[in-house]
Amino acid sequence: MKIDSSLMFEPAKVAQMAAELESAGFDGAYTFEGQSDPFISVAAAAMSTSRMELMTSIAVAFARNPMNLAYLGNDLQNLSEGRFILGLGAQVKAHIERRFSMPWSKPASRMREMVQAVRAIWDCWQTGEKLKFEGEFYQHTLMSPMFAPQASAYGMPKIFVAGVGPVMTEVAAEVGDGYFLHPFNTARSTDELSLAAIDRGLAKANKQRADYEVAAQVITATGLDEETMAAAVASARNQIAFYASTPAYLPVLACHGWEQLHTEAQQLIRQGDWGKLNDLVDDDILNTFAVVGTPAEVAEKISARFIGKAQRISPVVYQPDVPLLSALRGELAKRM
């Protein structure tokens, strides 16, 4: 099992952090579309590393178009010398329409077609064949030699797709090379929602489970002393409550009969009572979603939860530093 870490830092700090993570032995590192562009951070990381795989987890697919993603993916594959994974996610309707001012419709079908279109463009560049992709959402039929990159010596990047709902997860397995399991997961939701949908998607595409990667992210609350441990637990509670407020993640709560948490969290956010979110997440909810404890305890819980189910694991630590991440990686490596 590969062990990954996050590069959730401003781009100016990413290069140094990526080098330190590689030195600590991590197999991969991923950037996130939050307060900066995830592709810029991957580029910075690529120039300061030589071994780690680098991925976007996630880049918002529907904020872009297939041609834009194809150029970015090809450039980063070359810059990283074959270490790039294009990780895509749908985001939610409000952000696509109101933050990015882009169209939203049939998200699972649109994601399927976007991945197919990106691959068609890459195939055109790799083989020199005429570009002719005509779908419901995207049409790409023009590629002049002036704008076609040379075939990459490293081939086409892998594409991972994130999903929470069963339909999007099926699509992720059907057209993708891997699946990003959202941090808002539990042992039960992983089995009943995600892995079951992955099996259905693989069957549709006549693909084998052995040829597909599941990259599991898990909310992690750990520290090297009491102060950092307390801060980590508070961050984990806050993140769980925030995710619980989002309608798209309601199926995960439903696995445990905790739909009321969604209603309560959404009400607090609408009222602007962000400071009260943590109070909604009791210890039972905290320990169902997150892994909590010392690095050794956390490593034991993660291995018990994901061995045999995921090929990559990433502890999502919301207040990371290199000594803590190195300690956690070392404990995980003993068990994986």
Protein backbone atom coordinates (compact mmCIF):
# COMPACT_ATOMS: atom_id res chain seq x y z
CA MET A 1 0.00 0.00 0.00
CA LYS A 2 1.32 3.44 -0.95
CA ILE A 3 1.34 6.20 1.64
CA ASP A 4 0.58 9.75 0.47
CA SER A 5 0.43 13.15 2.11
CA SER A 6 -1.07 16.51 1.28
CA LEU A 7 0.50 19.67 -0.07
CA MET A 8 -2.22 21.98 1.21
CA PHE A 9 0.03 25.01 1.43
CA GLU A 10 0.41 28.24 -0.49
CA PRO A 11 2.42 27.66 -3.69
CA ALA A 12 5.47 29.53 -2.39
CA LYS A 13 5.92 26.89 0.34
CA VAL A 14 5.05 23.81 -1.69
CA ALA A 15 8.46 23.15 -3.24
CA GLN A 16 10.26 22.89 0.09
CA MET A 17 7.45 20.88 1.68
CA ALA A 18 7.35 18.44 -1.24
CA ALA A 19 11.10 17.87 -1.01
CA GLU A 20 10.82 17.20 2.72
CA LEU A 21 7.93 14.75 2.22
CA GLU A 22 9.90 12.89 -0.43
CA SER A 23 12.90 12.74 1.89
CA ALA A 24 10.62 11.35 4.63
CA GLY A 25 9.68 8.46 2.34
CA PHE A 26 6.16 9.34 1.19
CA ASP A 27 5.09 7.64 -2.05
CA GLY A 28 2.95 10.51 -3.28
CA ALA A 29 1.67 13.99 -2.50
CA TYR A 30 -1.44 15.78 -3.62
CA THR A 31 -2.61 19.35 -3.99
CA PHE A 32 -6.11 20.66 -3.38
CA GLU A 33 -8.27 23.24 -5.10
CA GLY A 34 -8.85 25.61 -2.24
CA GLN A 35 -7.25 29.03 -1.91
CA SER A 36 -4.91 28.55 -4.88
CA ASP A 37 -4.72 26.69 -8.16
CA PRO A 38 -3.78 23.03 -7.62
CA PHE A 39 -1.85 22.74 -10.89
CA ILE A 40 0.54 25.56 -9.97
CA SER A 41 1.41 23.73 -6.76
CA VAL A 42 2.00 20.44 -8.62
CA ALA A 43 4.41 22.26 -10.94
CA ALA A 44 6.32 23.66 -7.95
CA ALA A 45 6.47 20.22 -6.35
CA ALA A 46 7.61 18.56 -9.58
CA MET A 47 10.67 20.78 -9.78
CA SER A 48 11.81 19.95 -6.24
CA THR A 49 11.24 16.17 -6.28
CA SER A 50 12.33 13.21 -8.39
CA ARG A 51 10.53 10.14 -7.04
CA MET A 52 7.12 10.92 -5.50
CA GLU A 53 3.97 10.72 -7.56
CA LEU A 54 2.17 14.07 -7.67
CA MET A 55 -1.55 14.49 -8.05
CA THR A 56 -4.41 16.92 -7.83
CA SER A 57 -6.90 15.77 -5.22
CA ILE A 58 -8.90 17.30 -6.46
CA ALA A 59 -8.99 19.80 -9.30
CA VAL A 60 -12.55 20.96 -9.98
CA ALA A 61 -13.34 19.39 -13.34
CA PHE A 62 -16.37 21.46 -14.28
CA ALA A 63 -14.54 24.74 -13.66
CA ARG A 64 -12.51 23.83 -16.75
CA ASN A 65 -12.91 22.16 -20.13
CA PRO A 66 -11.28 19.00 -21.53
CA MET A 67 -8.80 20.85 -23.75
CA ASN A 68 -7.62 22.99 -20.85
CA LEU A 69 -7.18 19.89 -18.67
CA ALA A 70 -5.42 18.01 -21.46
CA TYR A 71 -2.75 20.71 -21.85
CA LEU A 72 -2.25 20.97 -18.09
CA GLY A 73 -2.02 17.21 -17.68
CA ASN A 74 0.40 16.78 -20.56
CA ASP A 75 2.68 19.60 -19.36
CA LEU A 76 2.77 18.29 -15.78
CA GLN A 77 3.39 14.73 -16.95
CA ASN A 78 6.45 15.97 -18.85
CA LEU A 79 7.60 18.32 -16.08
CA SER A 80 7.40 15.53 -13.49
CA GLU A 81 8.91 12.96 -15.86
CA GLY A 82 5.88 10.69 -15.74
CA ARG A 83 4.86 11.13 -12.09
CA PHE A 84 1.62 13.08 -12.52
CA ILE A 85 -1.89 11.83 -11.76
CA LEU A 86 -4.79 14.03 -12.89
CA GLY A 87 -7.32 13.90 -10.07
CA LEU A 88 -10.75 15.34 -10.86
CA GLY A 89 -13.85 16.04 -8.82
CA ALA A 90 -17.24 17.53 -9.61
CA GLN A 91 -17.65 19.93 -6.66
CA VAL A 92 -21.31 20.91 -6.07
CA LYS A 93 -23.82 22.86 -8.12
CA ALA A 94 -23.66 26.10 -6.11
CA HIS A 95 -19.89 26.42 -6.51
CA ILE A 96 -19.87 25.53 -10.20
CA GLU A 97 -22.62 27.99 -11.08
CA ARG A 98 -22.05 30.78 -8.56
CA ARG A 99 -18.29 30.66 -7.83
CA PHE A 100 -16.96 29.54 -11.21
CA SER A 101 -19.87 30.74 -13.40
CA MET A 102 -19.85 27.48 -15.35
CA PRO A 103 -22.70 25.19 -16.45
CA TRP A 104 -24.00 22.39 -14.24
CA SER A 105 -26.05 19.47 -15.51
CA LYS A 106 -26.02 15.69 -15.26
CA PRO A 107 -22.77 15.66 -13.24
CA ALA A 108 -22.04 11.93 -13.52
CA SER A 109 -22.66 11.87 -17.27
CA ARG A 110 -20.66 15.06 -17.72
CA MET A 111 -17.74 13.61 -15.74
CA ARG A 112 -17.75 10.44 -17.81
CA GLU A 113 -17.60 12.47 -21.00
CA MET A 114 -14.96 14.85 -19.68
CA VAL A 115 -12.57 11.99 -18.89
CA GLN A 116 -13.25 10.43 -22.29
CA ALA A 117 -12.65 13.76 -24.03
CA VAL A 118 -9.36 14.42 -22.22
CA ARG A 119 -8.15 10.96 -23.19
CA ALA A 120 -9.22 11.50 -26.82
CA ILE A 121 -7.15 14.70 -26.95
CA TRP A 122 -4.13 12.99 -25.40
CA ASP A 123 -4.50 10.11 -27.85
CA CYS A 124 -4.52 12.60 -30.73
CA TRP A 125 -1.24 14.06 -29.51
CA GLN A 126 0.36 10.67 -28.85
CA THR A 127 -0.63 8.99 -32.12
CA GLY A 128 -1.15 11.85 -34.56
CA GLU A 129 -4.65 10.61 -35.34
CA LYS A 130 -7.34 13.16 -36.23
CA LEU A 131 -9.12 14.65 -33.25
CA LYS A 132 -12.79 13.83 -33.45
CA PHE A 133 -14.63 13.82 -30.15
CA GLU A 134 -18.32 14.65 -30.32
CA GLY A 135 -20.34 14.19 -27.17
CA GLU A 136 -23.38 15.59 -25.46
CA PHE A 137 -21.42 18.18 -23.45
CA TYR A 138 -18.07 18.55 -25.22
CA GLN A 139 -17.03 18.64 -28.86
CA HIS A 140 -13.36 18.68 -29.88
CA THR A 141 -12.78 18.38 -33.61
CA LEU A 142 -9.94 20.82 -34.36
CA MET A 143 -6.25 20.25 -33.61
CA SER A 144 -3.82 22.10 -35.87
CA PRO A 145 -0.16 20.94 -35.89
CA MET A 146 0.88 24.31 -34.49
CA PHE A 147 -1.07 23.63 -31.29
CA ALA A 148 -0.41 19.91 -30.91
CA PRO A 149 2.37 19.01 -28.44
CA GLN A 150 4.86 16.34 -29.38
CA ALA A 151 4.07 12.85 -28.15
CA SER A 152 5.13 12.57 -24.52
CA ALA A 153 7.98 10.21 -23.78
CA TYR A 154 6.18 9.38 -20.53
CA GLY A 155 2.81 8.46 -22.03
CA MET A 156 -0.54 9.69 -20.85
CA PRO A 157 -1.12 10.46 -17.14
CA LYS A 158 -3.47 8.36 -15.08
CA ILE A 159 -6.84 9.92 -14.28
CA PHE A 160 -8.39 9.46 -10.83
CA VAL A 161 -11.96 10.60 -10.18
CA ALA A 162 -13.43 11.49 -6.79
CA GLY A 163 -16.99 10.69 -5.83
CA VAL A 164 -19.33 10.28 -2.89
CA GLY A 165 -22.69 9.29 -4.38
CA PRO A 166 -23.14 5.88 -5.98
CA VAL A 167 -23.62 7.11 -9.57
CA MET A 168 -20.49 9.29 -9.63
CA THR A 169 -18.50 6.53 -7.95
CA GLU A 170 -19.62 4.06 -10.63
CA VAL A 171 -18.45 6.50 -13.30
CA ALA A 172 -15.11 6.89 -11.51
CA ALA A 173 -14.56 3.14 -11.78
CA GLU A 174 -15.95 2.91 -15.31
CA VAL A 175 -13.71 5.53 -16.96
CA GLY A 176 -10.95 6.30 -14.45
CA ASP A 177 -7.71 4.62 -13.47
CA GLY A 178 -8.39 5.21 -9.80
CA TYR A 179 -10.80 6.61 -7.23
CA PHE A 180 -10.27 9.21 -4.53
CA LEU A 181 -12.28 8.18 -1.47
CA HIS A 182 -13.44 11.42 0.10
CA PRO A 183 -12.18 12.08 3.66
CA PHE A 184 -15.82 12.14 4.83
CA ASN A 185 -16.04 8.36 5.04
CA THR A 186 -16.54 5.63 7.60
CA ALA A 187 -15.75 1.94 7.54
CA ARG A 188 -19.42 1.20 6.85
CA SER A 189 -19.90 3.83 4.16
CA THR A 190 -16.73 2.68 2.40
CA ASP A 191 -18.07 -0.86 2.16
CA GLU A 192 -21.75 -0.15 1.54
CA LEU A 193 -21.46 2.92 -0.73
CA SER A 194 -18.02 3.32 -2.29
CA LEU A 195 -16.63 -0.17 -2.83
CA ALA A 196 -19.98 -1.58 -3.92
CA ALA A 197 -20.35 1.18 -6.53
CA ILE A 198 -16.77 0.68 -7.70
CA ASP A 199 -17.48 -2.99 -8.35
CA ARG A 200 -20.54 -2.07 -10.43
CA GLY A 201 -18.57 0.49 -12.44
CA LEU A 202 -15.71 -1.90 -13.11
CA ALA A 203 -18.18 -4.54 -14.27
CA LYS A 204 -19.74 -2.08 -16.74
CA ALA A 205 -16.33 -1.43 -18.29
CA ASN A 206 -15.22 -5.08 -18.08
CA LYS A 207 -12.25 -4.00 -15.95
CA GLN A 208 -10.50 -5.96 -13.22
CA ARG A 209 -10.24 -4.77 -9.63
CA ALA A 210 -6.52 -5.60 -9.66
CA ASP A 211 -5.98 -2.97 -12.37
CA TYR A 212 -7.74 -0.19 -10.43
CA GLU A 213 -6.48 1.93 -7.51
CA VAL A 214 -8.47 3.21 -4.56
CA ALA A 215 -6.79 6.16 -2.85
CA ALA A 216 -8.37 6.51 0.58
CA GLN A 217 -8.19 9.77 2.46
CA VAL A 218 -9.08 9.63 6.15
CA ILE A 219 -9.61 12.43 8.64
CA THR A 220 -6.78 12.09 11.14
CA ALA A 221 -6.41 13.70 14.56
CA THR A 222 -2.97 13.13 15.98
CA GLY A 223 -0.13 15.02 17.61
CA LEU A 224 3.21 14.69 19.32
CA ASP A 225 2.09 16.44 22.52
CA GLU A 226 -1.12 17.30 24.37
CA GLU A 227 -1.42 20.77 22.88
CA THR A 228 -1.14 19.70 19.25
CA MET A 229 -3.37 16.70 19.94
CA ALA A 230 -6.13 18.92 21.33
CA ALA A 231 -5.89 21.25 18.34
CA ALA A 232 -6.03 18.29 15.96
CA VAL A 233 -9.16 16.89 17.58
CA ALA A 234 -10.85 20.30 17.38
CA SER A 235 -9.95 20.59 13.70
CA ALA A 236 -11.30 17.11 13.01
CA ARG A 237 -14.61 17.85 14.74
CA ASN A 238 -14.96 21.06 12.76
CA GLN A 239 -14.21 19.36 9.45
CA ILE A 240 -16.70 16.56 10.11
CA ALA A 241 -19.45 19.06 10.96
CA PHE A 242 -18.67 21.15 7.87
CA TYR A 243 -18.84 18.13 5.57
CA ALA A 244 -22.03 16.99 7.31
CA SER A 245 -23.71 20.28 6.36
CA THR A 246 -23.29 19.54 2.64
CA PRO A 247 -26.29 17.78 1.03
CA ALA A 248 -24.05 15.77 -1.32
CA TYR A 249 -22.55 13.93 1.67
CA LEU A 250 -25.88 13.02 3.27
CA PRO A 251 -25.73 9.36 2.08
CA VAL A 252 -22.67 8.82 4.28
CA LEU A 253 -24.57 10.05 7.35
CA ALA A 254 -27.56 7.93 6.36
CA CYS A 255 -25.44 4.79 6.70
CA HIS A 256 -25.43 5.46 10.44
CA GLY A 257 -28.85 7.05 10.88
CA TRP A 258 -27.25 10.45 11.54
CA GLU A 259 -29.24 12.53 9.04
CA GLN A 260 -30.15 14.94 11.85
CA LEU A 261 -26.51 16.05 12.03
CA HIS A 262 -26.86 17.40 8.49
CA THR A 263 -29.91 19.47 9.43
CA GLU A 264 -28.31 20.86 12.58
CA ALA A 265 -25.00 21.71 10.90
CA GLN A 266 -26.73 23.37 7.98
CA GLN A 267 -28.86 25.46 10.33
CA LEU A 268 -25.82 26.71 12.28
CA ILE A 269 -24.00 27.67 9.08
CA ARG A 270 -27.03 29.56 7.79
CA GLN A 271 -27.15 31.45 11.09
CA GLY A 272 -23.43 32.17 10.90
CA ASP A 273 -22.76 30.24 14.13
CA TRP A 274 -19.55 28.64 12.85
CA GLY A 275 -18.11 28.46 16.36
CA LYS A 276 -20.81 26.03 17.49
CA LEU A 277 -20.19 23.43 14.80
CA ASN A 278 -17.76 21.43 16.93
CA ASP A 279 -20.40 20.89 19.59
CA LEU A 280 -22.44 18.79 17.15
CA VAL A 281 -19.72 16.15 16.81
CA ASP A 282 -19.69 13.95 19.89
CA ASP A 283 -17.01 11.35 20.56
CA ASP A 284 -18.99 8.57 18.86
CA ILE A 285 -19.30 10.56 15.63
CA LEU A 286 -15.69 11.76 15.87
CA ASN A 287 -14.28 8.26 16.22
CA THR A 288 -16.54 6.83 13.52
CA PHE A 289 -15.31 9.27 10.89
CA ALA A 290 -11.82 10.14 12.11
CA VAL A 291 -8.89 8.14 13.40
CA VAL A 292 -7.75 9.65 16.68
CA GLY A 293 -4.69 9.00 18.82
CA THR A 294 -0.91 9.02 18.86
CA PRO A 295 0.82 8.32 15.53
CA ALA A 296 1.19 4.66 16.51
CA GLU A 297 -2.47 4.36 17.53
CA VAL A 298 -3.63 6.11 14.38
CA ALA A 299 -1.51 3.88 12.17
CA GLU A 300 -3.03 0.78 13.76
CA LYS A 301 -6.58 2.08 13.20
CA ILE A 302 -5.92 3.10 9.60
CA SER A 303 -4.38 -0.25 8.71
CA ALA A 304 -7.32 -2.12 10.27
CA ARG A 305 -9.79 0.03 8.34
CA PHE A 306 -8.22 0.01 4.89
CA ILE A 307 -5.88 -2.95 4.31
CA GLY A 308 -7.36 -5.05 1.53
CA LYS A 309 -9.65 -2.20 0.46
CA ALA A 310 -7.32 0.59 -0.71
CA GLN A 311 -4.05 0.69 -2.60
CA ARG A 312 -3.10 4.16 -1.41
CA ILE A 313 -3.74 5.78 1.96
CA SER A 314 -3.53 9.40 2.95
CA PRO A 315 -4.05 10.62 6.52
CA VAL A 316 -5.69 14.04 6.25
CA VAL A 317 -3.96 16.07 8.94
CA TYR A 318 -5.35 19.60 9.17
CA GLN A 319 -2.41 21.08 11.09
CA PRO A 320 0.51 19.28 9.47
CA ASP A 321 4.22 19.70 10.04
CA VAL A 322 7.04 17.53 8.76
CA PRO A 323 8.06 15.92 12.11
CA LEU A 324 4.46 14.84 12.75
CA LEU A 325 3.94 13.59 9.19
CA SER A 326 7.26 11.74 9.26
CA ALA A 327 6.36 10.03 12.53
CA LEU A 328 2.96 9.06 11.17
CA ARG A 329 4.41 7.77 7.92
CA GLY A 330 6.95 5.70 9.82
CA GLU A 331 4.25 4.07 11.93
CA LEU A 332 2.09 3.37 8.87
CA ALA A 333 5.01 1.83 7.00
CA LYS A 334 5.43 -0.76 9.77
CA ARG A 335 1.89 -2.00 9.21
CA MET A 336 1.28 -1.66 5.46
